[in-house]
Amino acid sequence: MALIGYVWLFYALYTTDGFGFTPCLFKNVTGIPCPACGTTRAIILIVNGRLWQSLLLNPLGLLAYVVMFILPFWWLVDAVRRRPTFALCYARSEKFLQRKLVFWTFVLLMFLNMIWNIYKGL
């Protein structure tokens, strides 16, 4: 899945505008932006040094950018050291997100981000 994300990002970065097509099935079917709509554009803005505009477009872009930047290095270090630190961290994160308060807080934040996307006319 990460490889698909990198391929999509590089495609969007190096096409003429990268914004004419949305891979969001939810938006294509309903016409309403999902919480993640605009994440690719937000990452492109970060790459171009426009952090504030990126955060205004979709705050998830910053999170996605950080994860996409750190992940390959983390995987490489795990492979060299032959340790599953990423897998362990992922398992702990998944367990943390299963707590009811954390889960519903996360759902609320995603809902608010979706409302933000609708408000902006994304």
PDB file of N, CA and C in Angstrom:
ATOM      1  N   MET A   1       0.824  -1.191   0.000  1.00  0.00           N
ATOM      2  CA  MET A   1       0.000   0.000   0.000  1.00  0.00           C
ATOM      3  C   MET A   1       0.869   1.256   0.000  1.00  0.00           C
ATOM      4  N   ALA A   2       1.964   1.218   0.756  1.00  0.00           N
ATOM      5  CA  ALA A   2       2.843   2.387   0.799  1.00  0.00           C
ATOM      6  C   ALA A   2       3.423   2.669  -0.581  1.00  0.00           C
ATOM      7  N   LEU A   3       3.802   1.618  -1.298  1.00  0.00           N
ATOM      8  CA  LEU A   3       4.356   1.793  -2.638  1.00  0.00           C
ATOM      9  C   LEU A   3       3.345   2.466  -3.564  1.00  0.00           C
ATOM     10  N   ILE A   4       2.091   2.071  -3.458  1.00  0.00           N
ATOM     11  CA  ILE A   4       1.046   2.707  -4.268  1.00  0.00           C
ATOM     12  C   ILE A   4       0.951   4.192  -3.916  1.00  0.00           C
ATOM     13  N   GLY A   5       1.042   4.504  -2.632  1.00  0.00           N
ATOM     14  CA  GLY A   5       1.011   5.900  -2.201  1.00  0.00           C
ATOM     15  C   GLY A   5       2.153   6.711  -2.770  1.00  0.00           C
ATOM     16  N   TYR A   6       3.357   6.147  -2.764  1.00  0.00           N
ATOM     17  CA  TYR A   6       4.519   6.850  -3.329  1.00  0.00           C
ATOM     18  C   TYR A   6       4.370   7.041  -4.834  1.00  0.00           C
ATOM     19  N   VAL A   7       3.893   6.008  -5.523  1.00  0.00           N
ATOM     20  CA  VAL A   7       3.702   6.112  -6.973  1.00  0.00           C
ATOM     21  C   VAL A   7       2.676   7.200  -7.281  1.00  0.00           C
ATOM     22  N   TRP A   8       1.549   7.205  -6.550  1.00  0.00           N
ATOM     23  CA  TRP A   8       0.526   8.232  -6.785  1.00  0.00           C
ATOM     24  C   TRP A   8       1.092   9.619  -6.524  1.00  0.00           C
ATOM     25  N   LEU A   9       1.830   9.786  -5.435  1.00  0.00           N
ATOM     26  CA  LEU A   9       2.382  11.093  -5.102  1.00  0.00           C
ATOM     27  C   LEU A   9       3.350  11.571  -6.182  1.00  0.00           C
ATOM     28  N   PHE A  10       4.245  10.704  -6.625  1.00  0.00           N
ATOM     29  CA  PHE A  10       5.192  11.114  -7.660  1.00  0.00           C
ATOM     30  C   PHE A  10       4.477  11.410  -8.977  1.00  0.00           C
ATOM     31  N   TYR A  11       3.437  10.642  -9.286  1.00  0.00           N
ATOM     32  CA  TYR A  11       2.652  10.941 -10.482  1.00  0.00           C
ATOM     33  C   TYR A  11       2.035  12.336 -10.362  1.00  0.00           C
ATOM     34  N   ALA A  12       1.428  12.621  -9.220  1.00  0.00           N
ATOM     35  CA  ALA A  12       0.779  13.920  -9.013  1.00  0.00           C
ATOM     36  C   ALA A  12       1.797  15.052  -9.012  1.00  0.00           C
ATOM     37  N   LEU A  13       2.997  14.813  -8.492  1.00  0.00           N
ATOM     38  CA  LEU A  13       4.031  15.843  -8.458  1.00  0.00           C
ATOM     39  C   LEU A  13       4.546  16.197  -9.846  1.00  0.00           C
ATOM     40  N   TYR A  14       4.631  15.200 -10.717  1.00  0.00           N
ATOM     41  CA  TYR A  14       5.293  15.422 -11.998  1.00  0.00           C
ATOM     42  C   TYR A  14       4.359  15.480 -13.194  1.00  0.00           C
ATOM     43  N   THR A  15       3.038  15.472 -12.962  1.00  0.00           N
ATOM     44  CA  THR A  15       2.125  15.744 -14.069  1.00  0.00           C
ATOM     45  C   THR A  15       1.966  17.253 -14.152  1.00  0.00           C
ATOM     46  N   THR A  16       1.312  17.716 -15.176  1.00  0.00           N
ATOM     47  CA  THR A  16       1.222  19.163 -15.386  1.00  0.00           C
ATOM     48  C   THR A  16       0.595  19.879 -14.207  1.00  0.00           C
ATOM     49  N   ASP A  17      -0.513  19.369 -13.681  1.00  0.00           N
ATOM     50  CA  ASP A  17      -1.094  20.029 -12.513  1.00  0.00           C
ATOM     51  C   ASP A  17      -1.315  19.069 -11.354  1.00  0.00           C
ATOM     52  N   GLY A  18      -1.537  17.789 -11.615  1.00  0.00           N
ATOM     53  CA  GLY A  18      -1.730  16.802 -10.566  1.00  0.00           C
ATOM     54  C   GLY A  18      -3.069  16.918  -9.854  1.00  0.00           C
ATOM     55  N   PHE A  19      -3.940  17.816 -10.318  1.00  0.00           N
ATOM     56  CA  PHE A  19      -5.168  18.064  -9.583  1.00  0.00           C
ATOM     57  C   PHE A  19      -6.427  17.789 -10.395  1.00  0.00           C
ATOM     58  N   GLY A  20      -6.306  17.328 -11.623  1.00  0.00           N
ATOM     59  CA  GLY A  20      -7.488  17.161 -12.454  1.00  0.00           C
ATOM     60  C   GLY A  20      -8.287  15.909 -12.147  1.00  0.00           C
ATOM     61  N   PHE A  21      -7.710  14.968 -11.450  1.00  0.00           N
ATOM     62  CA  PHE A  21      -8.354  13.694 -11.197  1.00  0.00           C
ATOM     63  C   PHE A  21      -8.332  13.418  -9.705  1.00  0.00           C
ATOM     64  N   THR A  22      -9.429  12.923  -9.174  1.00  0.00           N
ATOM     65  CA  THR A  22      -9.441  12.519  -7.775  1.00  0.00           C
ATOM     66  C   THR A  22      -9.611  11.007  -7.690  1.00  0.00           C
ATOM     67  N   PRO A  23      -8.717  10.341  -6.948  1.00  0.00           N
ATOM     68  CA  PRO A  23      -8.857   8.897  -6.787  1.00  0.00           C
ATOM     69  C   PRO A  23      -9.876   8.547  -5.704  1.00  0.00           C
ATOM     70  N   CYS A  24     -10.508   9.556  -5.114  1.00  0.00           N
ATOM     71  CA  CYS A  24     -11.435   9.337  -3.998  1.00  0.00           C
ATOM     72  C   CYS A  24     -12.747   8.754  -4.506  1.00  0.00           C
ATOM     73  N   LEU A  25     -12.958   7.494  -4.240  1.00  0.00           N
ATOM     74  CA  LEU A  25     -14.183   6.826  -4.667  1.00  0.00           C
ATOM     75  C   LEU A  25     -15.402   7.465  -4.007  1.00  0.00           C
ATOM     76  N   PHE A  26     -15.275   7.822  -2.735  1.00  0.00           N
ATOM     77  CA  PHE A  26     -16.386   8.440  -2.011  1.00  0.00           C
ATOM     78  C   PHE A  26     -16.830   9.734  -2.696  1.00  0.00           C
ATOM     79  N   LYS A  27     -15.866  10.590  -3.045  1.00  0.00           N
ATOM     80  CA  LYS A  27     -16.212  11.862  -3.692  1.00  0.00           C
ATOM     81  C   LYS A  27     -16.733  11.642  -5.110  1.00  0.00           C
ATOM     82  N   ASN A  28     -16.148  10.685  -5.822  1.00  0.00           N
ATOM     83  CA  ASN A  28     -16.610  10.403  -7.181  1.00  0.00           C
ATOM     84  C   ASN A  28     -18.051   9.906  -7.196  1.00  0.00           C
ATOM     85  N   VAL A  29     -18.451   9.142  -6.175  1.00  0.00           N
ATOM     86  CA  VAL A  29     -19.800   8.585  -6.128  1.00  0.00           C
ATOM     87  C   VAL A  29     -20.797   9.579  -5.553  1.00  0.00           C
ATOM     88  N   THR A  30     -20.424  10.265  -4.451  1.00  0.00           N
ATOM     89  CA  THR A  30     -21.383  11.121  -3.745  1.00  0.00           C
ATOM     90  C   THR A  30     -21.273  12.600  -4.099  1.00  0.00           C
ATOM     91  N   GLY A  31     -20.112  13.015  -4.597  1.00  0.00           N
ATOM     92  CA  GLY A  31     -19.880  14.434  -4.842  1.00  0.00           C
ATOM     93  C   GLY A  31     -19.493  15.192  -3.590  1.00  0.00           C
ATOM     94  N   ILE A  32     -19.396  14.482  -2.467  1.00  0.00           N
ATOM     95  CA  ILE A  32     -19.032  15.082  -1.186  1.00  0.00           C
ATOM     96  C   ILE A  32     -17.606  14.652  -0.841  1.00  0.00           C
ATOM     97  N   PRO A  33     -16.744  15.597  -0.459  1.00  0.00           N
ATOM     98  CA  PRO A  33     -15.369  15.223  -0.122  1.00  0.00           C
ATOM     99  C   PRO A  33     -15.284  14.424   1.181  1.00  0.00           C
ATOM    100  N   CYS A  34     -14.438  13.426   1.186  1.00  0.00           N
ATOM    101  CA  CYS A  34     -14.203  12.643   2.393  1.00  0.00           C
ATOM    102  C   CYS A  34     -13.177  13.385   3.262  1.00  0.00           C
ATOM    103  N   PRO A  35     -12.894  12.907   4.476  1.00  0.00           N
ATOM    104  CA  PRO A  35     -11.913  13.588   5.323  1.00  0.00           C
ATOM    105  C   PRO A  35     -10.509  13.649   4.709  1.00  0.00           C
ATOM    106  N   ALA A  36     -10.180  12.700   3.852  1.00  0.00           N
ATOM    107  CA  ALA A  36      -8.838  12.666   3.275  1.00  0.00           C
ATOM    108  C   ALA A  36      -8.720  13.434   1.964  1.00  0.00           C
ATOM    109  N   CYS A  37      -9.834  13.920   1.432  1.00  0.00           N
ATOM    110  CA  CYS A  37      -9.770  14.657   0.168  1.00  0.00           C
ATOM    111  C   CYS A  37      -8.833  15.858   0.304  1.00  0.00           C
ATOM    112  N   GLY A  38      -7.949  15.997  -0.640  1.00  0.00           N
ATOM    113  CA  GLY A  38      -6.990  17.099  -0.632  1.00  0.00           C
ATOM    114  C   GLY A  38      -5.649  16.732  -0.029  1.00  0.00           C
ATOM    115  N   THR A  39      -5.499  15.508   0.450  1.00  0.00           N
ATOM    116  CA  THR A  39      -4.240  15.124   1.088  1.00  0.00           C
ATOM    117  C   THR A  39      -3.075  15.151   0.101  1.00  0.00           C
ATOM    118  N   THR A  40      -3.291  14.665  -1.113  1.00  0.00           N
ATOM    119  CA  THR A  40      -2.216  14.697  -2.112  1.00  0.00           C
ATOM    120  C   THR A  40      -1.807  16.135  -2.407  1.00  0.00           C
ATOM    121  N   ARG A  41      -2.776  16.994  -2.611  1.00  0.00           N
ATOM    122  CA  ARG A  41      -2.480  18.407  -2.872  1.00  0.00           C
ATOM    123  C   ARG A  41      -1.776  19.047  -1.680  1.00  0.00           C
ATOM    124  N   ALA A  42      -2.172  18.657  -0.460  1.00  0.00           N
ATOM    125  CA  ALA A  42      -1.524  19.196   0.741  1.00  0.00           C
ATOM    126  C   ALA A  42      -0.062  18.768   0.802  1.00  0.00           C
ATOM    127  N   ILE A  43       0.227  17.527   0.443  1.00  0.00           N
ATOM    128  CA  ILE A  43       1.619  17.054   0.436  1.00  0.00           C
ATOM    129  C   ILE A  43       2.421  17.811  -0.622  1.00  0.00           C
ATOM    130  N   ILE A  44       1.835  18.022  -1.783  1.00  0.00           N
ATOM    131  CA  ILE A  44       2.528  18.772  -2.841  1.00  0.00           C
ATOM    132  C   ILE A  44       2.845  20.183  -2.353  1.00  0.00           C
ATOM    133  N   LEU A  45       1.914  20.811  -1.642  1.00  0.00           N
ATOM    134  CA  LEU A  45       2.175  22.143  -1.095  1.00  0.00           C
ATOM    135  C   LEU A  45       3.331  22.114  -0.097  1.00  0.00           C
ATOM    136  N   ILE A  46       3.404  21.085   0.736  1.00  0.00           N
ATOM    137  CA  ILE A  46       4.520  20.961   1.687  1.00  0.00           C
ATOM    138  C   ILE A  46       5.832  20.818   0.939  1.00  0.00           C
ATOM    139  N   VAL A  47       5.848  19.960  -0.067  1.00  0.00           N
ATOM    140  CA  VAL A  47       7.070  19.755  -0.863  1.00  0.00           C
ATOM    141  C   VAL A  47       7.518  21.065  -1.500  1.00  0.00           C
ATOM    142  N   ASN A  48       6.563  21.917  -1.855  1.00  0.00           N
ATOM    143  CA  ASN A  48       6.878  23.211  -2.455  1.00  0.00           C
ATOM    144  C   ASN A  48       7.098  24.307  -1.416  1.00  0.00           C
ATOM    145  N   GLY A  49       7.185  23.930  -0.137  1.00  0.00           N
ATOM    146  CA  GLY A  49       7.497  24.884   0.921  1.00  0.00           C
ATOM    147  C   GLY A  49       6.339  25.745   1.378  1.00  0.00           C
ATOM    148  N   ARG A  50       5.127  25.332   1.115  1.00  0.00           N
ATOM    149  CA  ARG A  50       3.947  26.125   1.473  1.00  0.00           C
ATOM    150  C   ARG A  50       3.166  25.408   2.576  1.00  0.00           C
ATOM    151  N   LEU A  51       3.788  25.310   3.757  1.00  0.00           N
ATOM    152  CA  LEU A  51       3.230  24.555   4.876  1.00  0.00           C
ATOM    153  C   LEU A  51       1.885  25.107   5.330  1.00  0.00           C
ATOM    154  N   TRP A  52       1.776  26.431   5.485  1.00  0.00           N
ATOM    155  CA  TRP A  52       0.529  27.007   5.975  1.00  0.00           C
ATOM    156  C   TRP A  52      -0.638  26.707   5.026  1.00  0.00           C
ATOM    157  N   GLN A  53      -0.415  26.876   3.722  1.00  0.00           N
ATOM    158  CA  GLN A  53      -1.472  26.583   2.751  1.00  0.00           C
ATOM    159  C   GLN A  53      -1.849  25.103   2.805  1.00  0.00           C
ATOM    160  N   SER A  54      -0.839  24.255   3.031  1.00  0.00           N
ATOM    161  CA  SER A  54      -1.084  22.824   3.140  1.00  0.00           C
ATOM    162  C   SER A  54      -1.985  22.512   4.327  1.00  0.00           C
ATOM    163  N   LEU A  55      -1.688  23.116   5.464  1.00  0.00           N
ATOM    164  CA  LEU A  55      -2.501  22.886   6.661  1.00  0.00           C
ATOM    165  C   LEU A  55      -3.930  23.382   6.469  1.00  0.00           C
ATOM    166  N   LEU A  56      -4.088  24.494   5.766  1.00  0.00           N
ATOM    167  CA  LEU A  56      -5.432  25.008   5.508  1.00  0.00           C
ATOM    168  C   LEU A  56      -6.194  24.112   4.538  1.00  0.00           C
ATOM    169  N   LEU A  57      -5.478  23.534   3.576  1.00  0.00           N
ATOM    170  CA  LEU A  57      -6.137  22.658   2.607  1.00  0.00           C
ATOM    171  C   LEU A  57      -6.608  21.373   3.283  1.00  0.00           C
ATOM    172  N   ASN A  58      -5.704  20.672   3.942  1.00  0.00           N
ATOM    173  CA  ASN A  58      -6.067  19.457   4.670  1.00  0.00           C
ATOM    174  C   ASN A  58      -4.952  19.127   5.663  1.00  0.00           C
ATOM    175  N   PRO A  59      -5.228  19.247   6.964  1.00  0.00           N
ATOM    176  CA  PRO A  59      -4.210  18.964   7.976  1.00  0.00           C
ATOM    177  C   PRO A  59      -3.659  17.537   7.908  1.00  0.00           C
ATOM    178  N   LEU A  60      -4.423  16.617   7.332  1.00  0.00           N
ATOM    179  CA  LEU A  60      -3.931  15.245   7.203  1.00  0.00           C
ATOM    180  C   LEU A  60      -2.721  15.162   6.277  1.00  0.00           C
ATOM    181  N   GLY A  61      -2.549  16.155   5.424  1.00  0.00           N
ATOM    182  CA  GLY A  61      -1.399  16.166   4.520  1.00  0.00           C
ATOM    183  C   GLY A  61      -0.088  16.186   5.274  1.00  0.00           C
ATOM    184  N   LEU A  62      -0.012  16.951   6.358  1.00  0.00           N
ATOM    185  CA  LEU A  62       1.214  17.006   7.151  1.00  0.00           C
ATOM    186  C   LEU A  62       1.498  15.656   7.784  1.00  0.00           C
ATOM    187  N   LEU A  63       0.480  15.033   8.340  1.00  0.00           N
ATOM    188  CA  LEU A  63       0.651  13.706   8.927  1.00  0.00           C
ATOM    189  C   LEU A  63       1.106  12.702   7.872  1.00  0.00           C
ATOM    190  N   ALA A  64       0.459  12.719   6.721  1.00  0.00           N
ATOM    191  CA  ALA A  64       0.830  11.800   5.636  1.00  0.00           C
ATOM    192  C   ALA A  64       2.256  12.057   5.162  1.00  0.00           C
ATOM    193  N   TYR A  65       2.643  13.327   5.068  1.00  0.00           N
ATOM    194  CA  TYR A  65       3.995  13.678   4.640  1.00  0.00           C
ATOM    195  C   TYR A  65       5.035  13.131   5.620  1.00  0.00           C
ATOM    196  N   VAL A  66       4.806  13.337   6.898  1.00  0.00           N
ATOM    197  CA  VAL A  66       5.752  12.865   7.917  1.00  0.00           C
ATOM    198  C   VAL A  66       5.865  11.345   7.870  1.00  0.00           C
ATOM    199  N   VAL A  67       4.724  10.674   7.783  1.00  0.00           N
ATOM    200  CA  VAL A  67       4.741   9.208   7.732  1.00  0.00           C
ATOM    201  C   VAL A  67       5.459   8.721   6.477  1.00  0.00           C
ATOM    202  N   MET A  68       5.152   9.330   5.326  1.00  0.00           N
ATOM    203  CA  MET A  68       5.788   8.898   4.079  1.00  0.00           C
ATOM    204  C   MET A  68       7.281   9.192   4.063  1.00  0.00           C
ATOM    205  N   PHE A  69       7.715  10.205   4.802  1.00  0.00           N
ATOM    206  CA  PHE A  69       9.136  10.526   4.874  1.00  0.00           C
ATOM    207  C   PHE A  69       9.873   9.560   5.794  1.00  0.00           C
ATOM    208  N   ILE A  70       9.284   9.242   6.932  1.00  0.00           N
ATOM    209  CA  ILE A  70       9.947   8.414   7.942  1.00  0.00           C
ATOM    210  C   ILE A  70       9.901   6.926   7.607  1.00  0.00           C
ATOM    211  N   LEU A  71       8.804   6.466   7.029  1.00  0.00           N
ATOM    212  CA  LEU A  71       8.581   5.040   6.820  1.00  0.00           C
ATOM    213  C   LEU A  71       9.718   4.303   6.108  1.00  0.00           C
ATOM    214  N   PRO A  72      10.199   4.770   4.971  1.00  0.00           N
ATOM    215  CA  PRO A  72      11.263   4.006   4.294  1.00  0.00           C
ATOM    216  C   PRO A  72      12.527   3.871   5.143  1.00  0.00           C
ATOM    217  N   PHE A  73      12.869   4.927   5.856  1.00  0.00           N
ATOM    218  CA  PHE A  73      14.056   4.861   6.712  1.00  0.00           C
ATOM    219  C   PHE A  73      13.847   3.873   7.858  1.00  0.00           C
ATOM    220  N   TRP A  74      12.653   3.895   8.439  1.00  0.00           N
ATOM    221  CA  TRP A  74      12.336   2.984   9.533  1.00  0.00           C
ATOM    222  C   TRP A  74      12.403   1.544   9.049  1.00  0.00           C
ATOM    223  N   TRP A  75      11.807   1.275   7.869  1.00  0.00           N
ATOM    224  CA  TRP A  75      11.856  -0.078   7.312  1.00  0.00           C
ATOM    225  C   TRP A  75      13.297  -0.509   7.038  1.00  0.00           C
ATOM    226  N   LEU A  76      14.095   0.405   6.525  1.00  0.00           N
ATOM    227  CA  LEU A  76      15.496   0.088   6.226  1.00  0.00           C
ATOM    228  C   LEU A  76      16.265  -0.242   7.501  1.00  0.00           C
ATOM    229  N   VAL A  77      16.102   0.571   8.521  1.00  0.00           N
ATOM    230  CA  VAL A  77      16.782   0.316   9.798  1.00  0.00           C
ATOM    231  C   VAL A  77      16.330  -1.025  10.380  1.00  0.00           C
ATOM    232  N   ASP A  78      15.040  -1.312  10.314  1.00  0.00           N
ATOM    233  CA  ASP A  78      14.543  -2.608  10.789  1.00  0.00           C
ATOM    234  C   ASP A  78      15.161  -3.767  10.006  1.00  0.00           C
ATOM    235  N   ALA A  79      15.271  -3.599   8.685  1.00  0.00           N
ATOM    236  CA  ALA A  79      15.843  -4.664   7.856  1.00  0.00           C
ATOM    237  C   ALA A  79      17.313  -4.878   8.181  1.00  0.00           C
ATOM    238  N   VAL A  80      18.062  -3.791   8.345  1.00  0.00           N
ATOM    239  CA  VAL A  80      19.495  -3.901   8.640  1.00  0.00           C
ATOM    240  C   VAL A  80      19.710  -4.495  10.025  1.00  0.00           C
ATOM    241  N   ARG A  81      18.948  -4.033  10.995  1.00  0.00           N
ATOM    242  CA  ARG A  81      19.116  -4.497  12.376  1.00  0.00           C
ATOM    243  C   ARG A  81      18.358  -5.795  12.650  1.00  0.00           C
ATOM    244  N   ARG A  82      17.551  -6.213  11.688  1.00  0.00           N
ATOM    245  CA  ARG A  82      16.737  -7.424  11.815  1.00  0.00           C
ATOM    246  C   ARG A  82      15.880  -7.393  13.078  1.00  0.00           C
ATOM    247  N   ARG A  83      15.179  -6.268  13.207  1.00  0.00           N
ATOM    248  CA  ARG A  83      14.276  -6.077  14.338  1.00  0.00           C
ATOM    249  C   ARG A  83      12.924  -5.614  13.811  1.00  0.00           C
ATOM    250  N   PRO A  84      11.859  -6.050  14.439  1.00  0.00           N
ATOM    251  CA  PRO A  84      10.516  -5.665  13.968  1.00  0.00           C
ATOM    252  C   PRO A  84       9.948  -4.441  14.703  1.00  0.00           C
ATOM    253  N   THR A  85      10.732  -3.384  14.848  1.00  0.00           N
ATOM    254  CA  THR A  85      10.249  -2.245  15.627  1.00  0.00           C
ATOM    255  C   THR A  85       9.035  -1.580  14.979  1.00  0.00           C
ATOM    256  N   PHE A  86       9.003  -1.526  13.661  1.00  0.00           N
ATOM    257  CA  PHE A  86       7.837  -0.936  12.998  1.00  0.00           C
ATOM    258  C   PHE A  86       6.597  -1.766  13.264  1.00  0.00           C
ATOM    259  N   ALA A  87       6.695  -3.065  13.107  1.00  0.00           N
ATOM    260  CA  ALA A  87       5.548  -3.947  13.330  1.00  0.00           C
ATOM    261  C   ALA A  87       5.061  -3.837  14.774  1.00  0.00           C
ATOM    262  N   LEU A  88       5.980  -3.761  15.711  1.00  0.00           N
ATOM    263  CA  LEU A  88       5.597  -3.621  17.116  1.00  0.00           C
ATOM    264  C   LEU A  88       4.906  -2.285  17.381  1.00  0.00           C
ATOM    265  N   CYS A  89       5.436  -1.222  16.801  1.00  0.00           N
ATOM    266  CA  CYS A  89       4.828   0.099  16.951  1.00  0.00           C
ATOM    267  C   CYS A  89       3.440   0.130  16.329  1.00  0.00           C
ATOM    268  N   TYR A  90       3.299  -0.491  15.182  1.00  0.00           N
ATOM    269  CA  TYR A  90       1.998  -0.564  14.516  1.00  0.00           C
ATOM    270  C   TYR A  90       0.985  -1.300  15.389  1.00  0.00           C
ATOM    271  N   ALA A  91       1.404  -2.420  15.963  1.00  0.00           N
ATOM    272  CA  ALA A  91       0.506  -3.206  16.819  1.00  0.00           C
ATOM    273  C   ALA A  91       0.091  -2.391  18.047  1.00  0.00           C
ATOM    274  N   ARG A  92       1.039  -1.678  18.655  1.00  0.00           N
ATOM    275  CA  ARG A  92       0.712  -0.844  19.812  1.00  0.00           C
ATOM    276  C   ARG A  92      -0.235   0.289  19.425  1.00  0.00           C
ATOM    277  N   SER A  93       0.004   0.889  18.269  1.00  0.00           N
ATOM    278  CA  SER A  93      -0.863   1.974  17.798  1.00  0.00           C
ATOM    279  C   SER A  93      -2.279   1.475  17.550  1.00  0.00           C
ATOM    280  N   GLU A  94      -2.380   0.301  16.959  1.00  0.00           N
ATOM    281  CA  GLU A  94      -3.692  -0.277  16.689  1.00  0.00           C
ATOM    282  C   GLU A  94      -4.431  -0.553  17.997  1.00  0.00           C
ATOM    283  N   LYS A  95      -3.721  -1.067  18.973  1.00  0.00           N
ATOM    284  CA  LYS A  95      -4.332  -1.338  20.279  1.00  0.00           C
ATOM    285  C   LYS A  95      -4.779  -0.030  20.937  1.00  0.00           C
ATOM    286  N   PHE A  96      -3.966   1.014  20.816  1.00  0.00           N
ATOM    287  CA  PHE A  96      -4.295   2.321  21.383  1.00  0.00           C
ATOM    288  C   PHE A  96      -5.564   2.879  20.743  1.00  0.00           C
ATOM    289  N   LEU A  97      -5.677   2.753  19.430  1.00  0.00           N
ATOM    290  CA  LEU A  97      -6.838   3.273  18.708  1.00  0.00           C
ATOM    291  C   LEU A  97      -8.118   2.496  19.004  1.00  0.00           C
ATOM    292  N   GLN A  98      -7.986   1.303  19.577  1.00  0.00           N
ATOM    293  CA  GLN A  98      -9.164   0.513  19.910  1.00  0.00           C
ATOM    294  C   GLN A  98      -9.816   0.953  21.217  1.00  0.00           C
ATOM    295  N   ARG A  99      -9.164   1.814  21.976  1.00  0.00           N
ATOM    296  CA  ARG A  99      -9.780   2.353  23.187  1.00  0.00           C
ATOM    297  C   ARG A  99     -10.951   3.226  22.768  1.00  0.00           C
ATOM    298  N   LYS A 100     -12.064   3.099  23.461  1.00  0.00           N
ATOM    299  CA  LYS A 100     -13.291   3.800  23.047  1.00  0.00           C
ATOM    300  C   LYS A 100     -13.102   5.311  22.976  1.00  0.00           C
ATOM    301  N   LEU A 101     -12.502   5.906  23.992  1.00  0.00           N
ATOM    302  CA  LEU A 101     -12.336   7.360  23.993  1.00  0.00           C
ATOM    303  C   LEU A 101     -11.442   7.819  22.846  1.00  0.00           C
ATOM    304  N   VAL A 102     -10.372   7.106  22.622  1.00  0.00           N
ATOM    305  CA  VAL A 102      -9.451   7.451  21.533  1.00  0.00           C
ATOM    306  C   VAL A 102     -10.141   7.264  20.191  1.00  0.00           C
ATOM    307  N   PHE A 103     -10.839   6.155  20.033  1.00  0.00           N
ATOM    308  CA  PHE A 103     -11.527   5.869  18.782  1.00  0.00           C
ATOM    309  C   PHE A 103     -12.547   6.955  18.452  1.00  0.00           C
ATOM    310  N   TRP A 104     -13.411   7.307  19.421  1.00  0.00           N
ATOM    311  CA  TRP A 104     -14.447   8.294  19.148  1.00  0.00           C
ATOM    312  C   TRP A 104     -13.885   9.693  18.974  1.00  0.00           C
ATOM    313  N   THR A 105     -12.778   9.981  19.645  1.00  0.00           N
ATOM    314  CA  THR A 105     -12.104  11.264  19.413  1.00  0.00           C
ATOM    315  C   THR A 105     -11.585  11.321  17.982  1.00  0.00           C
ATOM    316  N   PHE A 106     -10.988  10.225  17.538  1.00  0.00           N
ATOM    317  CA  PHE A 106     -10.481  10.124  16.169  1.00  0.00           C
ATOM    318  C   PHE A 106     -11.626  10.282  15.160  1.00  0.00           C
ATOM    319  N   VAL A 107     -12.748   9.599  15.410  1.00  0.00           N
ATOM    320  CA  VAL A 107     -13.905   9.699  14.514  1.00  0.00           C
ATOM    321  C   VAL A 107     -14.413  11.137  14.470  1.00  0.00           C
ATOM    322  N   LEU A 108     -14.486  11.799  15.615  1.00  0.00           N
ATOM    323  CA  LEU A 108     -14.940  13.187  15.664  1.00  0.00           C
ATOM    324  C   LEU A 108     -14.005  14.098  14.870  1.00  0.00           C
ATOM    325  N   LEU A 109     -12.691  13.912  15.035  1.00  0.00           N
ATOM    326  CA  LEU A 109     -11.729  14.727  14.291  1.00  0.00           C
ATOM    327  C   LEU A 109     -11.856  14.502  12.778  1.00  0.00           C
ATOM    328  N   MET A 110     -12.066  13.256  12.366  1.00  0.00           N
ATOM    329  CA  MET A 110     -12.226  12.976  10.938  1.00  0.00           C
ATOM    330  C   MET A 110     -13.517  13.608  10.417  1.00  0.00           C
ATOM    331  N   PHE A 111     -14.586  13.564  11.220  1.00  0.00           N
ATOM    332  CA  PHE A 111     -15.846  14.186  10.829  1.00  0.00           C
ATOM    333  C   PHE A 111     -15.675  15.703  10.691  1.00  0.00           C
ATOM    334  N   LEU A 112     -14.982  16.311  11.656  1.00  0.00           N
ATOM    335  CA  LEU A 112     -14.733  17.753  11.584  1.00  0.00           C
ATOM    336  C   LEU A 112     -13.887  18.111  10.367  1.00  0.00           C
ATOM    337  N   ASN A 113     -12.914  17.260  10.040  1.00  0.00           N
ATOM    338  CA  ASN A 113     -12.094  17.502   8.850  1.00  0.00           C
ATOM    339  C   ASN A 113     -12.947  17.396   7.583  1.00  0.00           C
ATOM    340  N   MET A 114     -13.896  16.471   7.586  1.00  0.00           N
ATOM    341  CA  MET A 114     -14.790  16.323   6.431  1.00  0.00           C
ATOM    342  C   MET A 114     -15.660  17.585   6.304  1.00  0.00           C
ATOM    343  N   ILE A 115     -16.178  18.086   7.415  1.00  0.00           N
ATOM    344  CA  ILE A 115     -16.974  19.324   7.389  1.00  0.00           C
ATOM    345  C   ILE A 115     -16.109  20.478   6.875  1.00  0.00           C
ATOM    346  N   TRP A 116     -14.848  20.541   7.305  1.00  0.00           N
ATOM    347  CA  TRP A 116     -13.906  21.566   6.847  1.00  0.00           C
ATOM    348  C   TRP A 116     -13.731  21.465   5.330  1.00  0.00           C
ATOM    349  N   ASN A 117     -13.585  20.239   4.822  1.00  0.00           N
ATOM    350  CA  ASN A 117     -13.436  20.037   3.373  1.00  0.00           C
ATOM    351  C   ASN A 117     -14.684  20.488   2.619  1.00  0.00           C
ATOM    352  N   ILE A 118     -15.855  20.183   3.161  1.00  0.00           N
ATOM    353  CA  ILE A 118     -17.100  20.607   2.525  1.00  0.00           C
ATOM    354  C   ILE A 118     -17.209  22.121   2.548  1.00  0.00           C
ATOM    355  N   TYR A 119     -16.890  22.733   3.678  1.00  0.00           N
ATOM    356  CA  TYR A 119     -16.958  24.188   3.833  1.00  0.00           C
ATOM    357  C   TYR A 119     -16.067  24.892   2.809  1.00  0.00           C
ATOM    358  N   LYS A 120     -14.867  24.346   2.576  1.00  0.00           N
ATOM    359  CA  LYS A 120     -13.930  24.948   1.622  1.00  0.00           C
ATOM    360  C   LYS A 120     -14.334  24.703   0.181  1.00  0.00           C
ATOM    361  N   GLY A 121     -15.287  23.811  -0.028  1.00  0.00           N
ATOM    362  CA  GLY A 121     -15.693  23.481  -1.393  1.00  0.00           C
ATOM    363  C   GLY A 121     -14.693  22.603  -2.092  1.00  0.00           C
ATOM    364  N   LEU A 122     -14.011  21.788  -1.324  1.00  0.00           N
ATOM    365  CA  LEU A 122     -12.964  20.916  -1.870  1.00  0.00           C
ATOM    366  C   LEU A 122     -13.530  19.916  -2.788  1.00  0.00           C
TER     367      LEU A 122
END
